[in-house]
Each structure stands twice: as structure tokens, then as C-alpha cells.
């Protein structure tokens, strides 16, 4: 397996911390093979100028966040941009689309640019417009005034569909370019922030663009249209937008929940209507969100759009369905994932250390470790991957690599402390622990 040292370090460091790596997920995408063909076809659909909506369902630990980031990597390898937005009751409520758009821009990245890549993408777009104008041959590169005028005209034509409903988007872009050409970086930065949906932009910058106030709910969709146009013109054929943890809608007030569900329905309908060419919209949620009384069933039109039959065995699920079911890990699959991580880890060591890793942390040991971790978590293998990988890297592989005489079968005993577990993991671990007299609450 060929992997760069930087990429290996990023993956291993994330697993050591117990988090999902931001990159390199294709290295250990165990179980994702069955989705690859359908996903690549859908990404091709987006590249062709259409839009796609997909919903992913799975319990905690089933790999929803992993799936979303794995998909983002595939999208960015095809030149697309990607953004992952965590839906939350306070920070990013789904019914406030202006906030969702702002988080989208904050997390916007490409294969070349990390978040937030908005300014780099806009600058590349204006450069492309200039090149297109010069290619026509009617304007000289030395005639700066006429070149600027021609670029403005081309920009207006490219954004004509957006300008009909959201003229402020084009106005702010024009003012940003003028400020950049004039060397007024403060105004340019403020206008990029305003285009990105940031509140409290200076009044002077907004006056320079002829716009008022902050981005609102209705304009946010128009700005998303404009962003898709800019991406396409600057060489990025689409945008993957992930709305993660949409199940948080179940925990908010009923009126807020209903507004959020309706906003989701609006987004899906806009995708279907062709309003967002080049958008791949992915949402993730638990089965309770899709099937329970506090989830999408509260809004019948939304439930109808997401309806998928999961009555058959999971191995017969179609990867082309509107909903994808993630079944999580079983023990063999988790052990296989462990072997992949072990090999990635060993590949970055000297020959002697790498051989010691593969000899002492062999497949039989990995199987035993998966059983031990799952056992501590009540036998719920679906919850075990995060803890298993963290223990494997931090407690086993690091020690084997550092100490020549460390043998995990002789010198390591698995222990789990409450401080290293998430709330869900603590709950199942507590249920597994034998009750003692100290656990019994007495009524005085």
C-alpha cells in the first residue's frame, strides 16, 4: 500500500485521538465497496450539470460521518468542492438556511484549498472570466478599463439566472473585484465575508457594493445558486453538501422541528426541480429520525420523498435508493479494518519495527482485541469501531513500535475509563458492568 508520510501521519494521529480522519479514508473504507459504483454514477450525474439528493441512515457507530467524508474525498478527487455542516439546535438550526449557508462556506474546501476556500475560488473565477474575455480577441490585456468592463459584462451574463432573484450576489462580487483591483484589501475581505453569509459586515463595505443588511433565509438559496455557478466556471464541476446529524431536529421544540423539516423538504424539491445544477445534497440521520414520530413522518410530503423499503435483508439493499442503510460493523469486518490500520502504521516504520508490528499484532490478536472491546461495550460491535481503533493505535501499536520487548499478549490488558468514552459508549459500558451494592440507591 503506497501512502505518503504526511497522509499516514494525519490518519494515524486522528485515530489516536479517537476521531474520524479528515482525509485518507479510502485507505480503510471497509464495507464501502458495495456503494462505489452507484456513488460514482451519481457524482457523474452532478458533473453533467444535474443534481442529486441522498439520505444515509444508521445507528450511532454505523459509520455515517465516515461515509460522508469518504464520499467527500471521492468528490474532491473528481475536482468537486465539498462542505460538511453539522446540524445543531443552537449553532446551525436547519430552518435557518442563512446559517446553514454560512456554515457551508466556512467548511468549503477543494482538493487544493482547505476550508474556507471561498476567496480562492472567487479569485480563480475572475481569472477564468478574464481569460475567456481575452480569448475572444476583442479586448487587449493592456486596456485595463475595457477589460474590467468586459469582465463585468461576462459576469452579469454568467449570473443572469441568479441575479433575477438575488441581485445582491452579483453586486457584491462586482464590488469585491473593484476593491481588489484598487488594492483595498480591507473592503475586499469584508465583501467576501458578506458573500459568505457572515453577519455584522461593516456598513462601509456594504455601501461600496450597494447592498443592505445581512443575508436572510430566502436569499441564502440564491447565494447557493451563485456559488454553484462560480464553482462550475472556475473548474469545479459540482459541490457535495453534507448535512450531518439531522436527527437533532427530534430534540427541538415542535414548532422549530416543523420549520426544519419543511426547510429540508424545500431543499429536496429545489434539487428535484433543477434549481441547483451541480449540487450533491447528502443528509445523515438515525433510523429513529426517518421512522419515528418526531422525525420526518411529521411532514407527510417529506416522508413520501424519502420512503424506502427496508423490509428485505440488508444485503439486498439497492445503493441507488434515495436512502442508504449503514449496518455498521460485525466482528470479522472490524478485525479486517484493524489489519488495514496495522499495515498502514507498519508501512511508516523501519523494516525491523514494521516486521515486529505484523508479527506481534497479527490477525489472531486483532480478532481477540475486537472481541474484548465489543465485550466491554455490551457486545454492541456497531459502537466499538472508534474505541477499538483508538486502543489499537494508542495502546498497542504505539507501544510495540516504541518498546522492543513489549508484547501486547503479555503486557497489555484492555481497560476502558469513563473519561475516554462518549455518552453513548459510557451508557452501554455501564449496562455491561456488574452491579454492586454501591450501585443500589436507597430511599432514606
Protein backbone atom coordinates (compact mmCIF):
# COMPACT_ATOMS: atom_id res chain seq x y z
CA UNK A 1 0.00 0.00 0.00
CA UNK A 2 1.56 3.30 -1.11
CA UNK A 3 0.83 6.26 1.13
CA UNK A 4 2.70 9.50 1.74
CA UNK A 5 4.20 10.09 5.21
CA UNK A 6 2.04 13.19 5.71
CA UNK A 7 -1.14 11.36 4.82
CA UNK A 8 -0.22 8.41 7.03
CA UNK A 9 0.51 10.69 9.96
CA UNK A 10 -2.79 12.53 9.53
CA UNK A 11 -4.77 9.28 9.56
CA UNK A 12 -2.91 7.70 12.49
CA UNK A 13 -3.00 10.89 14.60
CA UNK A 14 -6.76 11.18 14.14
CA UNK A 15 -7.35 7.55 15.14
CA UNK A 16 -5.06 8.01 18.14
CA UNK A 17 -7.32 10.86 19.26
CA UNK A 18 -10.44 8.80 18.62
CA UNK A 19 -11.72 10.95 15.77
CA UNK A 20 -12.60 10.34 12.12
CA UNK A 21 -9.70 11.41 9.87
CA UNK A 22 -10.39 14.29 7.51
CA UNK A 23 -8.53 12.62 4.66
CA UNK A 24 -7.15 9.26 3.60
CA UNK A 25 -10.42 7.47 4.25
CA UNK A 26 -10.14 5.37 1.11
CA UNK A 27 -7.27 3.55 2.82
CA UNK A 28 -9.63 1.76 5.18
CA UNK A 29 -13.08 2.08 3.65
CA UNK A 30 -14.03 -1.43 4.71
CA UNK A 31 -17.58 -2.21 3.59
CA UNK A 32 -17.86 0.75 1.24
CA UNK A 33 -17.22 -1.35 -1.87
CA UNK A 34 -20.90 -2.05 -2.43
CA UNK A 35 -21.65 1.67 -2.77
CA UNK A 36 -18.80 2.66 -5.06
CA UNK A 37 -20.40 2.09 -8.47
CA UNK A 38 -23.68 3.84 -7.66
CA UNK A 39 -21.90 6.73 -5.91
CA UNK A 40 -19.57 7.26 -8.85
CA UNK A 41 -22.54 7.25 -11.24
CA UNK A 42 -24.25 9.91 -9.11
CA UNK A 43 -21.11 12.03 -9.00
CA UNK A 44 -21.04 11.75 -12.79
CA UNK A 45 -24.63 12.99 -12.85
CA UNK A 46 -23.57 16.05 -10.86
CA UNK A 47 -20.61 16.67 -13.17
CA UNK A 48 -23.05 16.63 -16.09
CA UNK A 49 -24.91 19.59 -14.57
CA UNK A 50 -27.75 17.85 -12.76
CA UNK A 51 -28.34 17.47 -9.02
CA UNK A 52 -28.57 14.51 -6.64
CA UNK A 53 -30.14 14.01 -3.22
CA UNK A 54 -29.23 11.13 -0.92
CA UNK A 55 -30.10 10.18 2.66
CA UNK A 56 -27.94 7.93 4.85
CA UNK A 57 -29.34 6.18 7.90
CA UNK A 58 -27.57 4.30 10.66
CA UNK A 59 -27.35 3.94 14.40
CA UNK A 60 -24.55 5.52 16.40
CA UNK A 61 -21.26 3.96 15.30
CA UNK A 62 -22.62 2.70 11.98
CA UNK A 63 -20.25 5.00 10.11
CA UNK A 64 -22.43 7.88 8.89
CA UNK A 65 -19.74 10.53 9.36
CA UNK A 66 -17.14 8.20 7.87
CA UNK A 67 -19.38 7.60 4.83
CA UNK A 68 -19.89 11.34 4.33
CA UNK A 69 -16.15 12.09 4.47
CA UNK A 70 -15.33 9.11 2.26
CA UNK A 71 -17.81 10.45 -0.29
CA UNK A 72 -16.27 13.93 0.04
CA UNK A 73 -12.85 12.53 -0.79
CA UNK A 74 -14.20 10.82 -3.90
CA UNK A 75 -15.93 14.05 -4.95
CA UNK A 76 -12.81 16.16 -4.48
CA UNK A 77 -10.70 13.71 -6.46
CA UNK A 78 -13.07 14.48 -9.36
CA UNK A 79 -12.47 18.21 -8.93
CA UNK A 80 -15.63 18.96 -6.96
CA UNK A 81 -15.84 21.10 -3.83
CA UNK A 82 -17.25 19.77 -0.57
CA UNK A 83 -18.62 21.06 2.72
CA UNK A 84 -19.80 19.22 5.83
CA UNK A 85 -22.31 21.07 8.01
CA UNK A 86 -23.24 19.77 11.46
CA UNK A 87 -26.90 20.47 12.17
CA UNK A 88 -27.47 21.55 15.76
CA UNK A 89 -30.21 23.17 17.77
CA UNK A 90 -28.21 26.27 18.73
CA UNK A 91 -25.31 26.67 16.28
CA UNK A 92 -26.84 25.56 12.97
CA UNK A 93 -30.61 25.09 13.10
CA UNK A 94 -31.84 23.61 9.83
CA UNK A 95 -34.76 26.01 9.45
CA UNK A 96 -32.38 28.98 9.27
CA UNK A 97 -30.95 28.41 5.82
CA UNK A 98 -28.86 31.56 6.04
CA UNK A 99 -26.96 29.94 8.91
CA UNK A 100 -26.64 26.66 7.00
CA UNK A 101 -25.23 28.59 4.03
CA UNK A 102 -22.76 30.43 6.29
CA UNK A 103 -21.52 27.14 7.79
CA UNK A 104 -21.30 25.69 4.26
CA UNK A 105 -18.95 28.49 3.19
CA UNK A 106 -16.91 28.19 6.40
CA UNK A 107 -16.35 24.48 5.67
CA UNK A 108 -15.99 24.81 1.88
CA UNK A 109 -12.91 23.00 0.59
CA UNK A 110 -11.46 21.57 -2.60
CA UNK A 111 -8.66 19.18 -3.38
CA UNK A 112 -6.28 22.16 -3.45
CA UNK A 113 -7.72 24.52 -0.83
CA UNK A 114 -8.69 23.82 2.81
CA UNK A 115 -11.70 25.48 4.46
CA UNK A 116 -12.71 28.18 3.87
CA UNK A 117 -11.86 28.20 0.18
CA UNK A 118 -14.39 30.84 -0.92
CA UNK A 119 -11.94 33.64 -1.67
CA UNK A 120 -9.56 31.40 -3.60
CA UNK A 121 -12.48 30.04 -5.63
CA UNK A 122 -13.83 33.53 -6.38
CA UNK A 123 -10.37 34.77 -7.39
CA UNK A 124 -9.96 31.77 -9.69
CA UNK A 125 -13.37 32.52 -11.19
CA UNK A 126 -12.48 36.12 -12.02
CA UNK A 127 -9.23 34.93 -13.55
CA UNK A 128 -11.22 32.50 -15.72
CA UNK A 129 -13.57 35.29 -16.79
CA UNK A 130 -10.59 37.43 -17.81
CA UNK A 131 -9.11 34.57 -19.80
CA UNK A 132 -12.45 33.99 -21.54
CA UNK A 133 -12.73 37.68 -22.45
CA UNK A 134 -9.17 37.81 -23.78
CA UNK A 135 -9.72 34.62 -25.76
CA UNK A 136 -12.48 36.38 -27.71
CA UNK A 137 -9.84 38.79 -29.02
CA UNK A 138 -11.97 41.93 -28.82
CA UNK A 139 -10.16 43.42 -25.81
CA UNK A 140 -6.42 43.86 -25.20
CA UNK A 141 -4.87 42.78 -21.92
CA UNK A 142 -3.20 46.22 -21.75
CA UNK A 143 -6.53 48.08 -21.84
CA UNK A 144 -7.41 47.64 -18.19
CA UNK A 145 -10.55 49.77 -18.28
CA UNK A 146 -12.11 47.93 -21.21
CA UNK A 147 -11.01 44.58 -19.80
CA UNK A 148 -12.70 45.34 -16.47
CA UNK A 149 -15.85 46.43 -18.28
CA UNK A 150 -15.89 43.28 -20.42
CA UNK A 151 -15.35 41.05 -17.38
CA UNK A 152 -18.23 42.77 -15.60
CA UNK A 153 -20.46 42.14 -18.58
CA UNK A 154 -19.50 38.48 -18.78
CA UNK A 155 -20.03 38.11 -15.04
CA UNK A 156 -23.54 39.53 -15.37
CA UNK A 157 -24.35 37.08 -18.14
CA UNK A 158 -23.00 34.09 -16.20
CA UNK A 159 -25.01 35.10 -13.14
CA UNK A 160 -28.16 36.14 -15.01
CA UNK A 161 -30.28 33.34 -13.54
CA UNK A 162 -29.13 34.20 -10.02
CA UNK A 163 -29.47 37.96 -10.50
CA UNK A 164 -33.16 37.65 -11.34
CA UNK A 165 -33.92 36.56 -7.78
CA UNK A 166 -30.82 37.63 -5.82
CA UNK A 167 -29.20 40.69 -7.47
CA UNK A 168 -27.17 41.45 -4.34
CA UNK A 169 -24.91 38.46 -5.02
CA UNK A 170 -23.64 39.86 -8.32
CA UNK A 171 -23.42 43.39 -6.86
CA UNK A 172 -21.21 42.21 -4.02
CA UNK A 173 -18.97 40.25 -6.39
CA UNK A 174 -18.54 43.26 -8.67
CA UNK A 175 -17.65 45.47 -5.70
CA UNK A 176 -15.22 42.81 -4.41
CA UNK A 177 -13.39 42.76 -7.72
CA UNK A 178 -13.19 46.57 -7.84
CA UNK A 179 -11.82 46.67 -4.30
CA UNK A 180 -9.24 44.02 -5.18
CA UNK A 181 -8.13 45.91 -8.30
CA UNK A 182 -7.87 49.11 -6.24
CA UNK A 183 -5.75 47.37 -3.59
CA UNK A 184 -8.39 47.95 -0.91
CA UNK A 185 -7.92 44.62 0.86
CA UNK A 186 -10.00 45.54 3.92
CA UNK A 187 -13.09 46.20 1.80
CA UNK A 188 -12.44 43.15 -0.36
CA UNK A 189 -12.17 40.89 2.69
CA UNK A 190 -15.35 42.35 4.17
CA UNK A 191 -17.26 41.76 0.95
CA UNK A 192 -16.06 38.15 0.70
CA UNK A 193 -17.29 37.71 4.26
CA UNK A 194 -20.68 39.17 3.30
CA UNK A 195 -20.90 36.91 0.23
CA UNK A 196 -20.15 34.03 2.59
CA UNK A 197 -23.14 34.95 4.74
CA UNK A 198 -21.19 36.38 7.67
CA UNK A 199 -23.18 38.86 9.79
CA UNK A 200 -22.02 42.24 11.05
CA UNK A 201 -20.03 43.22 7.97
CA UNK A 202 -19.02 46.90 8.05
CA UNK A 203 -21.55 49.39 6.72
CA UNK A 204 -18.85 50.98 4.54
CA UNK A 205 -18.21 47.71 2.71
CA UNK A 206 -21.91 47.12 2.17
CA UNK A 207 -22.33 50.67 0.83
CA UNK A 208 -19.48 50.05 -1.61
CA UNK A 209 -21.46 47.13 -3.00
CA UNK A 210 -24.83 48.81 -2.83
CA UNK A 211 -26.27 46.11 -0.59
CA UNK A 212 -28.10 46.35 2.72
CA UNK A 213 -28.36 44.25 5.85
CA UNK A 214 -27.29 40.65 6.32
CA UNK A 215 -28.12 37.54 4.34
CA UNK A 216 -31.61 36.21 5.11
CA UNK A 217 -33.34 32.85 4.78
CA UNK A 218 -34.69 33.45 1.29
CA UNK A 219 -31.55 34.99 -0.21
CA UNK A 220 -29.45 32.07 1.07
CA UNK A 221 -30.80 29.75 -1.63
CA UNK A 222 -30.00 32.34 -4.30
CA UNK A 223 -26.46 32.66 -2.95
CA UNK A 224 -26.13 28.87 -3.13
CA UNK A 225 -27.13 29.06 -6.79
CA UNK A 226 -24.49 31.71 -7.36
CA UNK A 227 -21.84 29.68 -5.58
CA UNK A 228 -22.58 26.68 -7.80
CA UNK A 229 -22.19 28.87 -10.89
CA UNK A 230 -18.84 30.18 -9.68
CA UNK A 231 -17.63 26.67 -8.88
CA UNK A 232 -18.57 25.37 -12.30
CA UNK A 233 -16.96 28.29 -14.15
CA UNK A 234 -13.75 28.03 -12.13
CA UNK A 235 -13.22 24.37 -12.95
CA UNK A 236 -15.11 22.64 -10.13
CA UNK A 237 -17.98 20.65 -11.67
CA UNK A 238 -20.07 20.46 -8.52
CA UNK A 239 -20.48 20.74 -4.78
CA UNK A 240 -21.07 17.98 -2.23
CA UNK A 241 -23.04 19.42 0.69
CA UNK A 242 -23.37 17.15 3.72
CA UNK A 243 -25.96 17.96 6.37
CA UNK A 244 -24.80 15.74 9.22
CA UNK A 245 -26.77 14.75 12.32
CA UNK A 246 -30.16 15.89 11.07
CA UNK A 247 -31.68 13.72 13.82
CA UNK A 248 -31.07 16.64 16.19
CA UNK A 249 -34.37 18.00 14.86
CA UNK A 250 -36.10 15.47 17.11
CA UNK A 251 -34.83 17.26 20.21
CA UNK A 252 -36.07 20.79 19.49
CA UNK A 253 -39.42 22.46 20.12
CA UNK A 254 -42.20 21.18 17.91
CA UNK A 255 -42.57 24.47 16.01
CA UNK A 256 -38.81 24.65 15.34
CA UNK A 257 -38.80 20.99 14.33
CA UNK A 258 -41.59 21.53 11.84
CA UNK A 259 -39.79 24.53 10.34
CA UNK A 260 -36.62 22.46 9.98
CA UNK A 261 -38.46 19.58 8.31
CA UNK A 262 -40.12 21.99 5.92
CA UNK A 263 -36.76 23.59 5.08
CA UNK A 264 -35.43 20.12 4.26
CA UNK A 265 -38.44 19.43 2.05
CA UNK A 266 -37.84 22.73 0.27
CA UNK A 267 -34.21 21.85 -0.39
CA UNK A 268 -35.11 18.42 -1.77
CA UNK A 269 -37.80 19.89 -4.01
CA UNK A 270 -35.36 22.51 -5.30
CA UNK A 271 -32.85 19.77 -6.08
CA UNK A 272 -35.52 17.84 -7.99
CA UNK A 273 -36.68 20.93 -9.86
CA UNK A 274 -33.21 21.64 -11.25
CA UNK A 275 -32.65 24.85 -9.29
CA UNK A 276 -29.21 23.71 -8.11
CA UNK A 277 -27.31 22.20 -11.06
CA UNK A 278 -24.09 20.65 -9.80
CA UNK A 279 -25.26 20.03 -6.21
CA UNK A 280 -24.99 16.67 -4.44
CA UNK A 281 -27.00 17.02 -1.23
CA UNK A 282 -26.45 14.33 1.40
CA UNK A 283 -28.15 14.13 4.79
CA UNK A 284 -27.39 11.71 7.62
CA UNK A 285 -29.60 10.59 10.47
CA UNK A 286 -30.56 7.75 12.76
CA UNK A 287 -33.36 5.28 11.93
CA UNK A 288 -35.50 6.98 14.58
CA UNK A 289 -35.31 10.22 12.61
CA UNK A 290 -36.52 8.54 9.43
CA UNK A 291 -39.11 6.24 11.02
CA UNK A 292 -40.05 7.69 14.42
CA UNK A 293 -42.93 10.01 15.36
CA UNK A 294 -40.65 13.01 15.99
CA UNK A 295 -38.83 12.77 12.68
CA UNK A 296 -39.74 13.08 9.02
CA UNK A 297 -43.06 11.29 9.49
CA UNK A 298 -44.35 14.56 10.95
CA UNK A 299 -44.28 16.05 7.44
CA UNK A 300 -46.04 13.69 5.05
CA UNK A 301 -44.65 15.18 1.80
CA UNK A 302 -41.12 14.79 3.17
CA UNK A 303 -41.76 11.22 4.31
CA UNK A 304 -43.07 10.37 0.85
CA UNK A 305 -39.93 11.73 -0.81
CA UNK A 306 -37.67 9.65 1.44
CA UNK A 307 -39.73 6.46 1.52
CA UNK A 308 -37.53 3.37 1.07
CA UNK A 309 -38.40 -0.27 1.70
CA UNK A 310 -36.02 -1.87 4.18
CA UNK A 311 -38.11 -4.98 4.69
CA UNK A 312 -35.62 -7.27 2.98
CA UNK A 313 -32.24 -8.47 4.19
CA UNK A 314 -29.71 -5.60 4.23
CA UNK A 315 -27.51 -7.39 1.70
CA UNK A 316 -30.24 -6.79 -0.88
CA UNK A 317 -30.41 -3.02 -0.30
CA UNK A 318 -30.05 -1.07 -3.53
CA UNK A 319 -27.24 1.53 -3.40
CA UNK A 320 -29.29 3.60 -5.86
CA UNK A 321 -32.20 4.05 -3.43
CA UNK A 322 -32.89 7.51 -2.02
CA UNK A 323 -31.96 6.14 1.41
CA UNK A 324 -28.86 4.09 2.16
CA UNK A 325 -28.80 1.85 5.21
CA UNK A 326 -25.47 1.52 7.01
CA UNK A 327 -25.45 -1.64 9.08
CA UNK A 328 -22.19 -0.94 10.84
CA UNK A 329 -19.50 -3.45 11.73
CA UNK A 330 -19.54 -7.07 12.74
CA UNK A 331 -16.53 -8.69 14.39
CA UNK A 332 -14.87 -10.01 11.19
CA UNK A 333 -15.26 -6.66 9.43
CA UNK A 334 -13.88 -4.78 12.43
CA UNK A 335 -10.88 -7.12 12.62
CA UNK A 336 -10.28 -6.61 8.90
CA UNK A 337 -10.33 -2.84 9.44
CA UNK A 338 -7.80 -3.32 12.23
CA UNK A 339 -5.49 -5.24 9.89
CA UNK A 340 -5.62 -2.40 7.36
CA UNK A 341 -4.72 0.18 10.01
CA UNK A 342 -1.95 -2.06 11.32
CA UNK A 343 -0.44 -2.30 7.83
CA UNK A 344 -0.71 1.46 7.28
CA UNK A 345 1.00 2.04 10.62
CA UNK A 346 3.75 -0.51 9.94
CA UNK A 347 4.48 0.94 6.50
CA UNK A 348 5.82 4.11 8.13
CA UNK A 349 8.35 2.32 10.32
CA UNK A 350 11.76 0.79 9.78
CA UNK A 351 11.85 -2.75 8.46
CA UNK A 352 12.59 -4.21 11.90
CA UNK A 353 9.84 -2.27 13.65
CA UNK A 354 7.37 -2.98 10.85
CA UNK A 355 8.05 -6.70 11.00
CA UNK A 356 7.65 -6.65 14.79
CA UNK A 357 4.27 -4.95 14.37
CA UNK A 358 2.96 -7.53 11.90
CA UNK A 359 4.32 -10.41 13.99
CA UNK A 360 3.01 -9.33 17.39
CA UNK A 361 -0.22 -7.69 16.20
CA UNK A 362 -1.25 -10.48 13.87
CA UNK A 363 -4.77 -11.19 12.63
CA UNK A 364 -5.45 -13.56 15.53
CA UNK A 365 -4.58 -10.85 18.06
CA UNK A 366 -6.75 -8.33 16.22
CA UNK A 367 -9.68 -10.74 16.40
CA UNK A 368 -9.16 -11.12 20.15
CA UNK A 369 -8.93 -7.36 20.62
CA UNK A 370 -12.16 -6.74 18.70
CA UNK A 371 -13.95 -9.28 20.90
CA UNK A 372 -12.54 -7.69 24.04
CA UNK A 373 -13.58 -4.15 23.08
CA UNK A 374 -17.03 -5.28 21.95
CA UNK A 375 -17.42 -7.23 25.17
CA UNK A 376 -16.69 -4.14 27.25
CA UNK A 377 -19.39 -2.35 25.26
CA UNK A 378 -22.10 -4.89 25.87
CA UNK A 379 -21.40 -6.87 22.72
CA UNK A 380 -22.56 -3.96 20.56
CA UNK A 381 -20.00 -4.15 17.78
CA UNK A 382 -21.57 -1.20 15.96
CA UNK A 383 -20.48 1.10 18.78
CA UNK A 384 -16.99 -0.39 19.04
CA UNK A 385 -15.02 0.98 15.99
CA UNK A 386 -13.97 4.32 17.48
CA UNK A 387 -12.79 2.80 20.75
CA UNK A 388 -11.22 -0.21 19.03
CA UNK A 389 -9.15 1.89 16.64
CA UNK A 390 -8.08 4.29 19.39
CA UNK A 391 -6.96 1.41 21.61
CA UNK A 392 -5.27 -0.35 18.72
CA UNK A 393 -3.20 2.70 17.76
CA UNK A 394 -2.55 4.42 21.10
CA UNK A 395 -2.29 1.42 23.45
CA UNK A 396 -0.94 -1.35 21.22
CA UNK A 397 0.76 -0.21 18.01
CA UNK A 398 2.49 2.81 19.58
CA UNK A 399 3.94 0.62 22.35
CA UNK A 400 5.04 -2.17 20.03
CA UNK A 401 6.76 0.40 17.82
CA UNK A 402 8.49 2.15 20.73
CA UNK A 403 9.50 -0.74 23.01
CA UNK A 404 11.35 -3.71 21.56
CA UNK A 405 10.31 -6.01 24.40
CA UNK A 406 6.62 -5.06 24.52
CA UNK A 407 4.29 -7.93 23.72
CA UNK A 408 0.60 -7.00 23.77
CA UNK A 409 -0.48 -10.51 24.70
CA UNK A 410 1.75 -10.45 27.76
CA UNK A 411 1.91 -6.80 28.80
CA UNK A 412 -1.41 -5.25 27.82
CA UNK A 413 -4.86 -5.68 29.34
CA UNK A 414 -7.75 -3.76 27.87
CA UNK A 415 -9.33 -1.20 30.21
CA UNK A 416 -11.95 1.45 29.46
CA UNK A 417 -12.38 4.56 31.58
CA UNK A 418 -15.46 6.75 31.55
CA UNK A 419 -13.42 9.81 30.60
CA UNK A 420 -12.35 8.33 27.24
CA UNK A 421 -15.85 7.27 26.21
CA UNK A 422 -18.66 9.21 24.59
CA UNK A 423 -22.02 9.37 26.33
CA UNK A 424 -23.42 6.53 24.23
CA UNK A 425 -20.34 4.39 24.85
CA UNK A 426 -20.49 5.08 28.60
CA UNK A 427 -24.12 4.04 28.72
CA UNK A 428 -23.56 0.66 27.11
CA UNK A 429 -20.38 0.09 29.13
CA UNK A 430 -22.24 0.87 32.36
CA UNK A 431 -25.01 -1.54 31.41
CA UNK A 432 -22.37 -4.22 30.86
CA UNK A 433 -20.65 -3.66 34.23
CA UNK A 434 -21.81 -5.99 37.04
CA UNK A 435 -23.88 -4.20 39.62
CA UNK A 436 -22.57 -3.97 43.18
CA UNK A 437 -24.07 -2.83 46.44
CA UNK A 438 -22.74 0.66 45.75
CA UNK A 439 -24.95 0.86 42.63
CA UNK A 440 -28.16 0.43 44.62
CA UNK A 441 -29.91 3.69 45.50
CA UNK A 442 -31.54 3.65 48.95
CA UNK A 443 -34.62 5.67 49.81
CA UNK A 444 -33.92 7.05 53.32
